[in-house]
């Protein structure tokens, strides 16, 4: 189970400026977090315990981002996914917990460097 301090840390670490399908920016979530931390933590922990990810969190905006200064064709863009901000926070929380578990119990090959903090 996640603790309040873990949840608040992942929320504070978000740097996204765009607004996703939940109509929240990371700035708004950071500002609201002290007021909604208890229910948010309960939702995160219930989602983790039941292995159920709320379907509303699965919505994602796909936005075209220009690869060139002048867009003349769709091929001049690349897709950028903008998921729900609360979804991203929950995913980061689970990622942190899994990474900590793998490191603590030395479950990764010592030569594994990619996707590991401090090993790349």
N, C-alpha and C. Protein backbone atom coordinates (compact mmCIF):
# COMPACT_ATOMS: atom_id res chain seq x y z
N UNK A 1 0.83 -1.19 0.00
CA UNK A 1 0.00 0.00 0.00
C UNK A 1 0.88 1.26 0.00
N UNK A 2 0.37 2.25 -0.64
CA UNK A 2 1.09 3.52 -0.74
C UNK A 2 0.82 4.37 0.50
N UNK A 3 1.80 5.16 0.85
CA UNK A 3 1.64 6.09 1.96
C UNK A 3 1.30 7.48 1.41
N UNK A 4 0.82 8.32 2.28
CA UNK A 4 0.50 9.69 1.89
C UNK A 4 1.74 10.41 1.36
N UNK A 5 2.87 10.22 2.04
CA UNK A 5 4.09 10.92 1.59
C UNK A 5 4.54 10.44 0.22
N UNK A 6 4.40 9.14 -0.07
CA UNK A 6 4.74 8.64 -1.41
C UNK A 6 3.83 9.26 -2.47
N UNK A 7 2.54 9.28 -2.18
CA UNK A 7 1.58 9.83 -3.14
C UNK A 7 1.84 11.32 -3.38
N UNK A 8 2.11 12.05 -2.32
CA UNK A 8 2.36 13.49 -2.48
C UNK A 8 3.66 13.73 -3.24
N UNK A 9 4.66 12.87 -3.04
CA UNK A 9 5.93 13.03 -3.75
C UNK A 9 5.73 12.84 -5.26
N UNK A 10 4.97 11.82 -5.67
CA UNK A 10 4.78 11.63 -7.11
C UNK A 10 3.94 12.75 -7.71
N UNK A 11 3.00 13.26 -6.96
CA UNK A 11 2.18 14.37 -7.46
C UNK A 11 3.05 15.62 -7.61
N UNK A 12 3.88 15.90 -6.61
CA UNK A 12 4.75 17.08 -6.69
C UNK A 12 5.80 16.98 -7.79
N UNK A 13 6.16 15.77 -8.18
CA UNK A 13 7.23 15.60 -9.18
C UNK A 13 6.74 15.77 -10.62
N UNK A 14 5.45 15.85 -10.83
CA UNK A 14 4.91 15.99 -12.18
C UNK A 14 5.28 17.35 -12.77
N UNK A 15 5.65 17.34 -14.06
CA UNK A 15 6.08 18.58 -14.72
C UNK A 15 5.20 18.94 -15.91
N UNK A 16 4.19 18.17 -16.17
CA UNK A 16 3.37 18.40 -17.35
C UNK A 16 2.60 19.72 -17.24
N UNK A 17 2.49 20.41 -18.36
CA UNK A 17 1.74 21.67 -18.38
C UNK A 17 0.41 21.53 -19.12
N UNK A 18 0.32 20.52 -19.98
CA UNK A 18 -0.89 20.34 -20.79
C UNK A 18 -2.02 19.74 -19.95
N UNK A 19 -3.22 19.99 -20.40
CA UNK A 19 -4.41 19.47 -19.73
C UNK A 19 -4.90 18.26 -20.50
N UNK A 20 -5.18 17.18 -19.77
CA UNK A 20 -5.63 15.94 -20.40
C UNK A 20 -7.13 15.78 -20.34
N UNK A 21 -7.61 14.56 -20.61
CA UNK A 21 -9.04 14.28 -20.64
C UNK A 21 -9.74 14.50 -19.30
N UNK A 22 -8.99 14.51 -18.20
CA UNK A 22 -9.61 14.76 -16.89
C UNK A 22 -9.73 16.26 -16.60
N UNK A 23 -9.28 17.09 -17.55
CA UNK A 23 -9.35 18.55 -17.45
C UNK A 23 -8.52 19.09 -16.28
N UNK A 24 -7.47 18.34 -15.91
CA UNK A 24 -6.56 18.76 -14.85
C UNK A 24 -5.16 18.92 -15.40
N UNK A 25 -4.49 19.95 -14.98
CA UNK A 25 -3.06 20.07 -15.27
C UNK A 25 -2.33 19.60 -14.02
N UNK A 26 -1.04 19.34 -14.15
CA UNK A 26 -0.28 18.93 -12.97
C UNK A 26 -0.27 20.06 -11.93
N UNK A 27 -0.26 21.31 -12.41
CA UNK A 27 -0.29 22.46 -11.50
C UNK A 27 -1.56 22.42 -10.65
N UNK A 28 -2.70 22.17 -11.30
CA UNK A 28 -3.97 22.14 -10.57
C UNK A 28 -3.99 20.99 -9.56
N UNK A 29 -3.48 19.82 -9.98
CA UNK A 29 -3.46 18.67 -9.07
C UNK A 29 -2.54 18.95 -7.88
N UNK A 30 -1.39 19.56 -8.14
CA UNK A 30 -0.47 19.90 -7.05
C UNK A 30 -1.12 20.86 -6.06
N UNK A 31 -1.84 21.84 -6.58
CA UNK A 31 -2.49 22.83 -5.71
C UNK A 31 -3.62 22.20 -4.90
N UNK A 32 -4.35 21.26 -5.51
CA UNK A 32 -5.49 20.64 -4.84
C UNK A 32 -5.08 19.48 -3.93
N UNK A 33 -3.91 18.93 -4.14
CA UNK A 33 -3.48 17.72 -3.43
C UNK A 33 -3.62 17.81 -1.90
N UNK A 34 -3.22 18.90 -1.26
CA UNK A 34 -3.37 18.95 0.20
C UNK A 34 -4.83 18.85 0.66
N UNK A 35 -5.75 19.23 -0.20
CA UNK A 35 -7.17 19.18 0.16
C UNK A 35 -7.81 17.84 -0.17
N UNK A 36 -7.24 17.12 -1.13
CA UNK A 36 -7.85 15.86 -1.58
C UNK A 36 -6.93 14.66 -1.37
N UNK A 37 -5.89 14.83 -0.57
CA UNK A 37 -4.92 13.74 -0.42
C UNK A 37 -5.51 12.47 0.17
N UNK A 38 -6.42 12.57 1.14
CA UNK A 38 -7.01 11.37 1.73
C UNK A 38 -7.83 10.57 0.72
N UNK A 39 -8.81 11.19 0.04
CA UNK A 39 -9.57 10.41 -0.94
C UNK A 39 -8.71 9.92 -2.10
N UNK A 40 -7.74 10.72 -2.52
CA UNK A 40 -6.87 10.32 -3.62
C UNK A 40 -6.03 9.11 -3.21
N UNK A 41 -5.48 9.12 -2.01
CA UNK A 41 -4.70 7.99 -1.52
C UNK A 41 -5.58 6.74 -1.40
N UNK A 42 -6.81 6.92 -0.96
CA UNK A 42 -7.73 5.79 -0.86
C UNK A 42 -8.01 5.19 -2.24
N UNK A 43 -8.21 6.03 -3.23
CA UNK A 43 -8.45 5.55 -4.60
C UNK A 43 -7.21 4.83 -5.12
N UNK A 44 -6.03 5.42 -4.93
CA UNK A 44 -4.79 4.78 -5.38
C UNK A 44 -4.64 3.40 -4.74
N UNK A 45 -4.78 3.33 -3.41
CA UNK A 45 -4.59 2.07 -2.71
C UNK A 45 -5.66 1.04 -3.07
N UNK A 46 -6.88 1.48 -3.26
CA UNK A 46 -7.93 0.55 -3.66
C UNK A 46 -7.66 0.01 -5.06
N UNK A 47 -7.19 0.87 -5.93
CA UNK A 47 -6.86 0.45 -7.30
C UNK A 47 -5.72 -0.58 -7.27
N UNK A 48 -4.71 -0.32 -6.46
CA UNK A 48 -3.58 -1.25 -6.35
C UNK A 48 -4.03 -2.57 -5.72
N UNK A 49 -4.81 -2.51 -4.65
CA UNK A 49 -5.23 -3.72 -3.94
C UNK A 49 -6.17 -4.59 -4.76
N UNK A 50 -7.04 -3.97 -5.54
CA UNK A 50 -8.03 -4.74 -6.31
C UNK A 50 -7.58 -5.02 -7.73
N UNK A 51 -6.44 -4.45 -8.13
CA UNK A 51 -5.93 -4.61 -9.50
C UNK A 51 -6.91 -4.05 -10.53
N UNK A 52 -7.63 -3.03 -10.13
CA UNK A 52 -8.60 -2.39 -11.04
C UNK A 52 -8.18 -0.95 -11.26
N UNK A 53 -7.99 -0.62 -12.52
CA UNK A 53 -7.63 0.74 -12.91
C UNK A 53 -8.90 1.41 -13.40
N UNK A 54 -9.34 2.51 -12.80
CA UNK A 54 -10.59 3.14 -13.22
C UNK A 54 -10.61 3.42 -14.73
N UNK A 55 -11.69 3.03 -15.37
CA UNK A 55 -11.77 3.17 -16.83
C UNK A 55 -11.66 4.63 -17.28
N UNK A 56 -12.12 5.55 -16.46
CA UNK A 56 -12.01 6.97 -16.84
C UNK A 56 -10.55 7.42 -16.91
N UNK A 57 -9.67 6.72 -16.21
CA UNK A 57 -8.25 7.06 -16.24
C UNK A 57 -7.57 6.58 -17.52
N UNK A 58 -8.24 5.72 -18.26
CA UNK A 58 -7.65 5.16 -19.48
C UNK A 58 -7.77 6.09 -20.67
N UNK A 59 -8.58 7.12 -20.54
CA UNK A 59 -8.74 8.07 -21.65
C UNK A 59 -7.45 8.86 -21.84
N UNK A 60 -7.10 9.07 -23.09
CA UNK A 60 -5.87 9.79 -23.43
C UNK A 60 -6.12 10.67 -24.64
N UNK A 61 -5.64 11.88 -24.58
CA UNK A 61 -5.64 12.73 -25.77
C UNK A 61 -4.39 12.40 -26.58
N UNK A 62 -4.56 12.23 -27.87
CA UNK A 62 -3.42 12.07 -28.77
C UNK A 62 -3.33 13.36 -29.58
N UNK A 63 -2.23 14.07 -29.42
CA UNK A 63 -2.06 15.36 -30.07
C UNK A 63 -0.92 15.29 -31.07
N UNK A 64 -1.09 15.92 -32.23
CA UNK A 64 0.03 15.95 -33.19
C UNK A 64 1.03 17.03 -32.79
N UNK A 65 2.30 16.67 -32.80
CA UNK A 65 3.36 17.62 -32.49
C UNK A 65 4.22 17.76 -33.74
N UNK A 66 4.49 18.97 -34.10
CA UNK A 66 5.25 19.25 -35.32
C UNK A 66 6.69 18.78 -35.20
N UNK A 67 7.16 18.08 -36.25
CA UNK A 67 8.58 17.69 -36.32
C UNK A 67 9.36 18.74 -37.10
N UNK A 68 8.65 19.55 -37.87
CA UNK A 68 9.28 20.58 -38.70
C UNK A 68 8.63 21.92 -38.41
N UNK A 69 9.28 22.99 -38.83
CA UNK A 69 8.69 24.32 -38.63
C UNK A 69 7.42 24.49 -39.46
N UNK A 70 7.45 23.98 -40.68
CA UNK A 70 6.32 24.12 -41.59
C UNK A 70 5.69 22.75 -41.80
N UNK A 71 4.44 22.61 -41.39
CA UNK A 71 3.74 21.34 -41.57
C UNK A 71 3.00 21.39 -42.91
N UNK A 72 3.39 20.50 -43.81
CA UNK A 72 2.71 20.42 -45.11
C UNK A 72 1.95 19.11 -45.24
N UNK A 73 2.24 18.17 -44.35
CA UNK A 73 1.61 16.86 -44.42
C UNK A 73 1.56 16.27 -43.01
N UNK A 74 0.67 15.33 -42.80
CA UNK A 74 0.55 14.69 -41.49
C UNK A 74 1.85 13.99 -41.10
N UNK A 75 2.62 13.59 -42.09
CA UNK A 75 3.90 12.92 -41.84
C UNK A 75 4.91 13.86 -41.17
N UNK A 76 4.64 15.16 -41.20
CA UNK A 76 5.50 16.15 -40.56
C UNK A 76 5.21 16.28 -39.06
N UNK A 77 4.35 15.42 -38.54
CA UNK A 77 4.01 15.46 -37.12
C UNK A 77 4.28 14.09 -36.49
N UNK A 78 4.34 14.10 -35.18
CA UNK A 78 4.43 12.84 -34.44
C UNK A 78 3.41 12.90 -33.31
N UNK A 79 2.87 11.75 -32.93
CA UNK A 79 1.83 11.76 -31.89
C UNK A 79 2.41 11.91 -30.48
N UNK A 80 1.73 12.68 -29.68
CA UNK A 80 2.06 12.84 -28.27
C UNK A 80 0.81 12.43 -27.48
N UNK A 81 0.98 11.54 -26.52
CA UNK A 81 -0.14 11.10 -25.70
C UNK A 81 -0.21 11.96 -24.44
N UNK A 82 -1.40 12.41 -24.11
CA UNK A 82 -1.63 13.19 -22.89
C UNK A 82 -2.69 12.46 -22.07
N UNK A 83 -2.24 11.58 -21.15
CA UNK A 83 -3.21 10.86 -20.32
C UNK A 83 -3.73 11.72 -19.18
N UNK A 84 -4.66 11.17 -18.44
CA UNK A 84 -5.20 11.86 -17.26
C UNK A 84 -4.09 12.06 -16.24
N UNK A 85 -4.09 13.19 -15.60
CA UNK A 85 -3.04 13.54 -14.63
C UNK A 85 -3.07 12.62 -13.41
N UNK A 86 -4.26 12.27 -12.93
CA UNK A 86 -4.37 11.39 -11.77
C UNK A 86 -3.88 9.99 -12.13
N UNK A 87 -4.16 9.56 -13.35
CA UNK A 87 -3.69 8.27 -13.85
C UNK A 87 -2.17 8.22 -13.84
N UNK A 88 -1.54 9.28 -14.34
CA UNK A 88 -0.07 9.33 -14.37
C UNK A 88 0.50 9.26 -12.96
N UNK A 89 -0.13 9.93 -12.01
CA UNK A 89 0.35 9.91 -10.63
C UNK A 89 0.27 8.49 -10.06
N UNK A 90 -0.82 7.80 -10.31
CA UNK A 90 -0.98 6.43 -9.81
C UNK A 90 0.05 5.51 -10.46
N UNK A 91 0.27 5.67 -11.76
CA UNK A 91 1.25 4.85 -12.47
C UNK A 91 2.66 5.09 -11.92
N UNK A 92 3.01 6.34 -11.65
CA UNK A 92 4.33 6.64 -11.09
C UNK A 92 4.48 6.04 -9.69
N UNK A 93 3.40 6.06 -8.94
CA UNK A 93 3.41 5.48 -7.60
C UNK A 93 3.68 3.98 -7.66
N UNK A 94 2.99 3.28 -8.55
CA UNK A 94 3.19 1.84 -8.71
C UNK A 94 4.61 1.57 -9.22
N UNK A 95 5.07 2.38 -10.17
CA UNK A 95 6.42 2.21 -10.70
C UNK A 95 7.47 2.34 -9.59
N UNK A 96 7.30 3.35 -8.74
CA UNK A 96 8.22 3.55 -7.62
C UNK A 96 8.24 2.34 -6.69
N UNK A 97 7.05 1.84 -6.37
CA UNK A 97 6.96 0.70 -5.46
C UNK A 97 7.59 -0.55 -6.06
N UNK A 98 7.32 -0.80 -7.34
CA UNK A 98 7.91 -1.97 -8.00
C UNK A 98 9.42 -1.85 -8.08
N UNK A 99 9.91 -0.69 -8.46
CA UNK A 99 11.35 -0.47 -8.57
C UNK A 99 12.03 -0.67 -7.22
N UNK A 100 11.45 -0.10 -6.17
CA UNK A 100 12.01 -0.25 -4.83
C UNK A 100 12.05 -1.71 -4.40
N UNK A 101 10.99 -2.44 -4.69
CA UNK A 101 10.92 -3.86 -4.33
C UNK A 101 12.00 -4.66 -5.06
N UNK A 102 12.12 -4.42 -6.37
CA UNK A 102 13.12 -5.14 -7.17
C UNK A 102 14.54 -4.85 -6.69
N UNK A 103 14.80 -3.60 -6.34
CA UNK A 103 16.13 -3.22 -5.85
C UNK A 103 16.38 -3.81 -4.45
N UNK A 104 15.41 -3.67 -3.56
CA UNK A 104 15.59 -4.11 -2.18
C UNK A 104 15.88 -5.61 -2.09
N UNK A 105 15.19 -6.40 -2.91
CA UNK A 105 15.36 -7.85 -2.85
C UNK A 105 16.30 -8.38 -3.93
N UNK A 106 17.03 -7.46 -4.56
CA UNK A 106 18.04 -7.80 -5.57
C UNK A 106 17.49 -8.78 -6.61
N UNK A 107 16.34 -8.45 -7.17
CA UNK A 107 15.68 -9.32 -8.14
C UNK A 107 16.08 -9.02 -9.58
N UNK A 108 16.90 -8.00 -9.77
CA UNK A 108 17.36 -7.66 -11.11
C UNK A 108 18.78 -8.15 -11.31
N UNK A 109 19.09 -8.52 -12.53
CA UNK A 109 20.44 -8.90 -12.88
C UNK A 109 21.35 -7.70 -12.61
N UNK A 110 22.48 -7.89 -11.95
CA UNK A 110 23.37 -6.76 -11.65
C UNK A 110 23.84 -6.01 -12.90
N UNK A 111 23.84 -6.69 -14.05
CA UNK A 111 24.26 -6.04 -15.29
C UNK A 111 23.12 -5.25 -15.95
N UNK A 112 21.92 -5.36 -15.41
CA UNK A 112 20.79 -4.61 -15.94
C UNK A 112 20.99 -3.13 -15.61
N UNK A 113 21.17 -2.31 -16.63
CA UNK A 113 21.41 -0.88 -16.39
C UNK A 113 20.27 -0.02 -16.91
N UNK A 114 19.69 -0.40 -18.03
CA UNK A 114 18.65 0.47 -18.59
C UNK A 114 17.40 0.43 -17.72
N UNK A 115 16.75 1.58 -17.69
CA UNK A 115 15.51 1.79 -16.95
C UNK A 115 15.70 1.66 -15.43
N UNK A 116 16.92 1.84 -14.96
CA UNK A 116 17.19 1.82 -13.53
C UNK A 116 17.84 3.13 -13.11
N UNK A 117 17.32 3.71 -12.05
CA UNK A 117 17.86 4.94 -11.52
C UNK A 117 19.29 4.74 -11.05
N UNK A 118 20.19 5.61 -11.48
CA UNK A 118 21.57 5.56 -11.03
C UNK A 118 22.43 4.48 -11.67
N UNK A 119 21.93 3.82 -12.71
CA UNK A 119 22.69 2.75 -13.35
C UNK A 119 22.93 2.98 -14.84
N UNK A 120 22.56 4.12 -15.35
CA UNK A 120 22.64 4.32 -16.80
C UNK A 120 23.74 5.22 -17.25
